Amino acid sequence: MTLSTLDARCALVVIDLQKGILSRPTAHPVGGVLAHAAALTAAWRQHGSPVVLVNVAGGAPGRTEQARSFGDLPPDWTELAEALGVHPGDIRVTKHTWGAFTGTGLDARLRALGVTQIVLAGIATSIGVESTARQAHELGYNVALATDAMTDLSLEAHENSVARIFPRLGETGSTAEFLAKLDQRANAGRS
């Protein structure tokens, strides 16, 4: 773990834990990833910290060498996983690119709340999570990544992001470490 602390105004941002993504084969069992993300969302809400739930509803229109194939998507493919327990106070973001900041107004909403740090979780580690981490870093946020609350379609891609990219963008830790830091921050505020 390299997570040093959580800022006083820290938002949890959960990427693409939605029905159409969770049904795809992943490097790690989605049940564990979803359980960790649900624990994080519950704790963030309990501590009165912002929770951002992001879903993807399409892709950027540019040409790529690798064909994009979504196949036959069910009508509910963009619906967030029930385990996240969507609450009325959550910030909901629907994106049409890999990163959660492009064209969504998320930066302005977080700035209005005084957020200085984001903690990321979700799928896919090397796509939506990494893109959002890169954007947040470029925007000046402190970035932290709950590595056991994310997975990828490819183990190699997941491991590359965790080992080589994330340490250059922020700090990493496990769900348990983030929950402990959240409790420490709350206890320090009571002293």
C-alpha atoms as a PDB file:
ATOM      1  CA  MET A   1       0.000   0.000   0.000  1.00  0.00           C
ATOM      2  CA  THR A   2       1.152   3.508  -0.709  1.00  0.00           C
ATOM      3  CA  LEU A   3      -2.003   5.302   0.424  1.00  0.00           C
ATOM      4  CA  SER A   4      -0.829   7.971   2.841  1.00  0.00           C
ATOM      5  CA  THR A   5      -4.074   9.720   3.733  1.00  0.00           C
ATOM      6  CA  LEU A   6      -7.532  10.688   2.548  1.00  0.00           C
ATOM      7  CA  ASP A   7      -8.220  14.366   1.994  1.00  0.00           C
ATOM      8  CA  ALA A   8     -10.984  16.018   4.004  1.00  0.00           C
ATOM      9  CA  ARG A   9     -13.061  16.318   0.814  1.00  0.00           C
ATOM     10  CA  CYS A  10     -12.599  13.010  -0.963  1.00  0.00           C
ATOM     11  CA  ALA A  11     -15.070  11.577  -3.463  1.00  0.00           C
ATOM     12  CA  LEU A  12     -15.452   7.912  -4.368  1.00  0.00           C
ATOM     13  CA  VAL A  13     -15.863   7.414  -8.131  1.00  0.00           C
ATOM     14  CA  VAL A  14     -17.117   3.990  -9.250  1.00  0.00           C
ATOM     15  CA  ILE A  15     -16.675   3.259 -12.951  1.00  0.00           C
ATOM     16  CA  ASP A  16     -19.021   1.156 -15.121  1.00  0.00           C
ATOM     17  CA  LEU A  17     -20.254  -1.420 -12.605  1.00  0.00           C
ATOM     18  CA  GLN A  18     -23.334  -1.939 -14.724  1.00  0.00           C
ATOM     19  CA  LYS A  19     -25.254  -4.950 -15.972  1.00  0.00           C
ATOM     20  CA  GLY A  20     -23.828  -4.966 -19.505  1.00  0.00           C
ATOM     21  CA  ILE A  21     -20.229  -4.805 -18.284  1.00  0.00           C
ATOM     22  CA  LEU A  22     -20.561  -7.171 -15.324  1.00  0.00           C
ATOM     23  CA  SER A  23     -21.856  -9.915 -17.613  1.00  0.00           C
ATOM     24  CA  ARG A  24     -18.568 -10.065 -19.575  1.00  0.00           C
ATOM     25  CA  PRO A  25     -15.636 -12.351 -18.719  1.00  0.00           C
ATOM     26  CA  THR A  26     -13.065 -10.560 -16.543  1.00  0.00           C
ATOM     27  CA  ALA A  27      -9.617 -11.242 -15.095  1.00  0.00           C
ATOM     28  CA  HIS A  28     -10.966 -11.398 -11.530  1.00  0.00           C
ATOM     29  CA  PRO A  29     -14.363 -12.626 -10.324  1.00  0.00           C
ATOM     30  CA  VAL A  30     -16.820  -9.736 -10.552  1.00  0.00           C
ATOM     31  CA  GLY A  31     -18.510 -10.825  -7.324  1.00  0.00           C
ATOM     32  CA  GLY A  32     -15.467  -9.859  -5.284  1.00  0.00           C
ATOM     33  CA  VAL A  33     -14.934  -6.614  -7.162  1.00  0.00           C
ATOM     34  CA  LEU A  34     -18.582  -5.690  -6.704  1.00  0.00           C
ATOM     35  CA  ALA A  35     -18.515  -6.592  -2.985  1.00  0.00           C
ATOM     36  CA  HIS A  36     -15.487  -4.350  -2.437  1.00  0.00           C
ATOM     37  CA  ALA A  37     -17.047  -1.488  -4.395  1.00  0.00           C
ATOM     38  CA  ALA A  38     -20.302  -1.872  -2.433  1.00  0.00           C
ATOM     39  CA  ALA A  39     -18.377  -1.739   0.860  1.00  0.00           C
ATOM     40  CA  LEU A  40     -16.672   1.452  -0.293  1.00  0.00           C
ATOM     41  CA  THR A  41     -19.925   3.122  -1.410  1.00  0.00           C
ATOM     42  CA  ALA A  42     -21.638   2.241   1.889  1.00  0.00           C
ATOM     43  CA  ALA A  43     -18.741   3.617   3.941  1.00  0.00           C
ATOM     44  CA  TRP A  44     -18.447   6.814   1.879  1.00  0.00           C
ATOM     45  CA  ARG A  45     -22.163   7.477   2.325  1.00  0.00           C
ATOM     46  CA  GLN A  46     -22.005   6.704   6.056  1.00  0.00           C
ATOM     47  CA  HIS A  47     -19.232   9.290   6.440  1.00  0.00           C
ATOM     48  CA  GLY A  48     -21.133  11.879   4.376  1.00  0.00           C
ATOM     49  CA  SER A  49     -18.570  11.897   1.581  1.00  0.00           C
ATOM     50  CA  PRO A  50     -19.534  12.201  -2.098  1.00  0.00           C
ATOM     51  CA  VAL A  51     -20.217   9.033  -4.085  1.00  0.00           C
ATOM     52  CA  VAL A  52     -20.081   9.245  -7.885  1.00  0.00           C
ATOM     53  CA  LEU A  53     -21.608   6.359  -9.836  1.00  0.00           C
ATOM     54  CA  VAL A  54     -20.591   6.292 -13.482  1.00  0.00           C
ATOM     55  CA  ASN A  55     -22.062   4.236 -16.289  1.00  0.00           C
ATOM     56  CA  VAL A  56     -21.155   4.117 -19.951  1.00  0.00           C
ATOM     57  CA  ALA A  57     -23.789   4.377 -22.665  1.00  0.00           C
ATOM     58  CA  GLY A  58     -21.710   4.412 -25.823  1.00  0.00           C
ATOM     59  CA  GLY A  59     -18.298   5.184 -27.214  1.00  0.00           C
ATOM     60  CA  ALA A  60     -16.392   8.030 -28.794  1.00  0.00           C
ATOM     61  CA  PRO A  61     -17.006   8.204 -32.551  1.00  0.00           C
ATOM     62  CA  GLY A  62     -13.396   8.205 -33.800  1.00  0.00           C
ATOM     63  CA  ARG A  63     -11.836   5.478 -35.970  1.00  0.00           C
ATOM     64  CA  THR A  64      -9.832   2.698 -34.340  1.00  0.00           C
ATOM     65  CA  GLU A  65      -7.818  -0.230 -35.646  1.00  0.00           C
ATOM     66  CA  GLN A  66      -9.552  -2.625 -33.300  1.00  0.00           C
ATOM     67  CA  ALA A  67     -13.224  -2.996 -34.136  1.00  0.00           C
ATOM     68  CA  ARG A  68     -15.621  -2.102 -31.361  1.00  0.00           C
ATOM     69  CA  SER A  69     -18.186  -4.800 -30.876  1.00  0.00           C
ATOM     70  CA  PHE A  70     -20.810  -4.490 -28.219  1.00  0.00           C
ATOM     71  CA  GLY A  71     -22.873  -7.324 -29.703  1.00  0.00           C
ATOM     72  CA  ASP A  72     -26.570  -7.481 -28.935  1.00  0.00           C
ATOM     73  CA  LEU A  73     -26.990  -5.429 -25.802  1.00  0.00           C
ATOM     74  CA  PRO A  74     -30.036  -5.945 -23.607  1.00  0.00           C
ATOM     75  CA  PRO A  75     -32.154  -2.840 -22.944  1.00  0.00           C
ATOM     76  CA  ASP A  76     -30.951  -2.688 -19.314  1.00  0.00           C
ATOM     77  CA  TRP A  77     -27.210  -2.952 -20.077  1.00  0.00           C
ATOM     78  CA  THR A  78     -26.481   0.557 -18.721  1.00  0.00           C
ATOM     79  CA  GLU A  79     -28.226  -0.017 -15.369  1.00  0.00           C
ATOM     80  CA  LEU A  80     -25.910   0.037 -12.371  1.00  0.00           C
ATOM     81  CA  ALA A  81     -25.466  -3.094 -10.278  1.00  0.00           C
ATOM     82  CA  GLU A  82     -28.036  -3.334  -7.503  1.00  0.00           C
ATOM     83  CA  ALA A  83     -25.282  -4.152  -4.986  1.00  0.00           C
ATOM     84  CA  LEU A  84     -24.124  -0.531  -5.178  1.00  0.00           C
ATOM     85  CA  GLY A  85     -27.416   0.563  -3.607  1.00  0.00           C
ATOM     86  CA  VAL A  86     -27.893   3.803  -5.542  1.00  0.00           C
ATOM     87  CA  HIS A  87     -28.944   6.610  -3.181  1.00  0.00           C
ATOM     88  CA  PRO A  88     -30.637   9.926  -4.010  1.00  0.00           C
ATOM     89  CA  GLY A  89     -27.574  11.899  -2.848  1.00  0.00           C
ATOM     90  CA  ASP A  90     -25.195  10.081  -5.192  1.00  0.00           C
ATOM     91  CA  ILE A  91     -23.807  11.930  -8.185  1.00  0.00           C
ATOM     92  CA  ARG A  92     -24.795  10.027 -11.331  1.00  0.00           C
ATOM     93  CA  VAL A  93     -22.706  10.358 -14.487  1.00  0.00           C
ATOM     94  CA  THR A  94     -23.377   8.798 -17.871  1.00  0.00           C
ATOM     95  CA  LYS A  95     -20.348   8.904 -20.137  1.00  0.00           C
ATOM     96  CA  HIS A  96     -19.800   8.261 -23.830  1.00  0.00           C
ATOM     97  CA  THR A  97     -16.003   8.051 -23.692  1.00  0.00           C
ATOM     98  CA  TRP A  98     -13.573   6.019 -21.628  1.00  0.00           C
ATOM     99  CA  GLY A  99     -12.978   8.711 -18.991  1.00  0.00           C
ATOM    100  CA  ALA A 100     -15.665  10.051 -16.656  1.00  0.00           C
ATOM    101  CA  PHE A 101     -14.698  13.722 -16.992  1.00  0.00           C
ATOM    102  CA  THR A 102     -15.044  14.292 -20.758  1.00  0.00           C
ATOM    103  CA  GLY A 103     -18.313  16.051 -21.574  1.00  0.00           C
ATOM    104  CA  THR A 104     -20.043  15.094 -18.312  1.00  0.00           C
ATOM    105  CA  GLY A 105     -19.677  18.169 -16.075  1.00  0.00           C
ATOM    106  CA  LEU A 106     -18.158  15.969 -13.349  1.00  0.00           C
ATOM    107  CA  ASP A 107     -15.214  18.290 -12.706  1.00  0.00           C
ATOM    108  CA  ALA A 108     -17.508  21.282 -12.064  1.00  0.00           C
ATOM    109  CA  ARG A 109     -19.724  19.243  -9.715  1.00  0.00           C
ATOM    110  CA  LEU A 110     -16.756  17.989  -7.708  1.00  0.00           C
ATOM    111  CA  ARG A 111     -15.151  21.450  -7.546  1.00  0.00           C
ATOM    112  CA  ALA A 112     -18.454  22.905  -6.277  1.00  0.00           C
ATOM    113  CA  LEU A 113     -18.285  20.391  -3.413  1.00  0.00           C
ATOM    114  CA  GLY A 114     -14.674  21.307  -2.651  1.00  0.00           C
ATOM    115  CA  VAL A 115     -13.393  17.838  -3.589  1.00  0.00           C
ATOM    116  CA  THR A 116      -9.598  17.617  -3.783  1.00  0.00           C
ATOM    117  CA  GLN A 117      -9.159  13.844  -4.017  1.00  0.00           C
ATOM    118  CA  ILE A 118     -10.904  10.995  -5.794  1.00  0.00           C
ATOM    119  CA  VAL A 119     -10.774   7.291  -5.004  1.00  0.00           C
ATOM    120  CA  LEU A 120     -11.427   5.085  -8.010  1.00  0.00           C
ATOM    121  CA  ALA A 121     -12.936   1.617  -8.379  1.00  0.00           C
ATOM    122  CA  GLY A 122     -14.657  -0.247 -11.216  1.00  0.00           C
ATOM    123  CA  ILE A 123     -14.237  -1.927 -14.580  1.00  0.00           C
ATOM    124  CA  ALA A 124     -12.158  -1.944 -16.713  1.00  0.00           C
ATOM    125  CA  THR A 125      -8.906  -1.170 -14.942  1.00  0.00           C
ATOM    126  CA  SER A 126      -6.994  -0.258 -18.113  1.00  0.00           C
ATOM    127  CA  ILE A 127      -9.856   1.527 -19.847  1.00  0.00           C
ATOM    128  CA  GLY A 128     -12.480   3.456 -17.852  1.00  0.00           C
ATOM    129  CA  VAL A 129     -10.638   3.456 -14.524  1.00  0.00           C
ATOM    130  CA  GLU A 130      -7.239   4.370 -15.951  1.00  0.00           C
ATOM    131  CA  SER A 131      -8.684   7.005 -18.295  1.00  0.00           C
ATOM    132  CA  THR A 132     -10.568   8.631 -15.429  1.00  0.00           C
ATOM    133  CA  ALA A 133      -7.450   8.492 -13.222  1.00  0.00           C
ATOM    134  CA  ARG A 134      -5.394  10.163 -15.951  1.00  0.00           C
ATOM    135  CA  GLN A 135      -8.010  12.898 -16.416  1.00  0.00           C
ATOM    136  CA  ALA A 136      -8.312  13.490 -12.657  1.00  0.00           C
ATOM    137  CA  HIS A 137      -4.534  13.709 -12.310  1.00  0.00           C
ATOM    138  CA  GLU A 138      -4.354  16.216 -15.181  1.00  0.00           C
ATOM    139  CA  LEU A 139      -7.114  18.272 -13.543  1.00  0.00           C
ATOM    140  CA  GLY A 140      -5.108  18.488 -10.313  1.00  0.00           C
ATOM    141  CA  TYR A 141      -6.979  16.031  -8.098  1.00  0.00           C
ATOM    142  CA  ASN A 142      -5.145  13.740  -5.718  1.00  0.00           C
ATOM    143  CA  VAL A 143      -5.882  10.276  -7.098  1.00  0.00           C
ATOM    144  CA  ALA A 144      -6.172   7.038  -5.150  1.00  0.00           C
ATOM    145  CA  LEU A 145      -7.114   3.629  -6.516  1.00  0.00           C
ATOM    146  CA  ALA A 146      -8.722   0.703  -4.694  1.00  0.00           C
ATOM    147  CA  THR A 147      -7.044  -2.065  -6.663  1.00  0.00           C
ATOM    148  CA  ASP A 148      -9.117  -4.946  -5.267  1.00  0.00           C
ATOM    149  CA  ALA A 149     -12.314  -3.102  -6.221  1.00  0.00           C
ATOM    150  CA  MET A 150     -11.459  -3.175  -9.913  1.00  0.00           C
ATOM    151  CA  THR A 151     -10.726  -5.646 -12.680  1.00  0.00           C
ATOM    152  CA  ASP A 152     -10.179  -5.766 -16.402  1.00  0.00           C
ATOM    153  CA  LEU A 153     -11.112  -7.914 -19.355  1.00  0.00           C
ATOM    154  CA  SER A 154      -7.431  -8.920 -19.472  1.00  0.00           C
ATOM    155  CA  LEU A 155      -5.235  -9.868 -16.500  1.00  0.00           C
ATOM    156  CA  GLU A 156      -2.165  -8.519 -18.296  1.00  0.00           C
ATOM    157  CA  ALA A 157      -3.821  -5.140 -18.884  1.00  0.00           C
ATOM    158  CA  HIS A 158      -4.990  -4.972 -15.237  1.00  0.00           C
ATOM    159  CA  GLU A 159      -1.528  -5.795 -13.908  1.00  0.00           C
ATOM    160  CA  ASN A 160       0.124  -3.251 -16.214  1.00  0.00           C
ATOM    161  CA  SER A 161      -2.160  -0.458 -14.995  1.00  0.00           C
ATOM    162  CA  VAL A 162      -1.705  -1.369 -11.327  1.00  0.00           C
ATOM    163  CA  ALA A 163       2.071  -1.867 -11.470  1.00  0.00           C
ATOM    164  CA  ARG A 164       3.196   0.694 -14.035  1.00  0.00           C
ATOM    165  CA  ILE A 165       0.580   3.390 -14.576  1.00  0.00           C
ATOM    166  CA  PHE A 166      -1.230   3.951 -11.274  1.00  0.00           C
ATOM    167  CA  PRO A 167       1.891   4.700  -9.195  1.00  0.00           C
ATOM    168  CA  ARG A 168       2.578   7.588 -11.599  1.00  0.00           C
ATOM    169  CA  LEU A 169      -0.965   8.957 -11.240  1.00  0.00           C
ATOM    170  CA  GLY A 170      -1.654   8.535  -7.532  1.00  0.00           C
ATOM    171  CA  GLU A 171      -1.672   6.129  -4.617  1.00  0.00           C
ATOM    172  CA  THR A 172      -3.010   2.588  -4.413  1.00  0.00           C
ATOM    173  CA  GLY A 173      -4.458   0.449  -1.659  1.00  0.00           C
ATOM    174  CA  SER A 174      -6.946  -2.285  -0.828  1.00  0.00           C
ATOM    175  CA  THR A 175     -10.561  -1.749   0.137  1.00  0.00           C
ATOM    176  CA  ALA A 176      -9.712  -2.599   3.765  1.00  0.00           C
ATOM    177  CA  GLU A 177      -6.956   0.033   3.763  1.00  0.00           C
ATOM    178  CA  PHE A 178      -9.278   2.674   2.336  1.00  0.00           C
ATOM    179  CA  LEU A 179     -11.957   1.869   4.916  1.00  0.00           C
ATOM    180  CA  ALA A 180      -9.381   2.121   7.722  1.00  0.00           C
ATOM    181  CA  LYS A 181      -8.157   5.506   6.408  1.00  0.00           C
ATOM    182  CA  LEU A 182     -11.744   6.734   6.154  1.00  0.00           C
ATOM    183  CA  ASP A 183     -12.367   5.756   9.795  1.00  0.00           C
ATOM    184  CA  GLN A 184      -9.055   7.342  10.881  1.00  0.00           C
ATOM    185  CA  ARG A 185     -10.018  10.575   9.143  1.00  0.00           C
ATOM    186  CA  ALA A 186     -13.420  10.570  10.860  1.00  0.00           C
ATOM    187  CA  ASN A 187     -11.890   9.832  14.279  1.00  0.00           C
ATOM    188  CA  ALA A 188      -9.294  12.579  13.848  1.00  0.00           C
ATOM    189  CA  GLY A 189     -12.121  15.014  13.065  1.00  0.00           C
ATOM    190  CA  ARG A 190     -13.812  14.161  16.362  1.00  0.00           C
ATOM    191  CA  SER A 191     -10.667  14.824  18.428  1.00  0.00           C
END
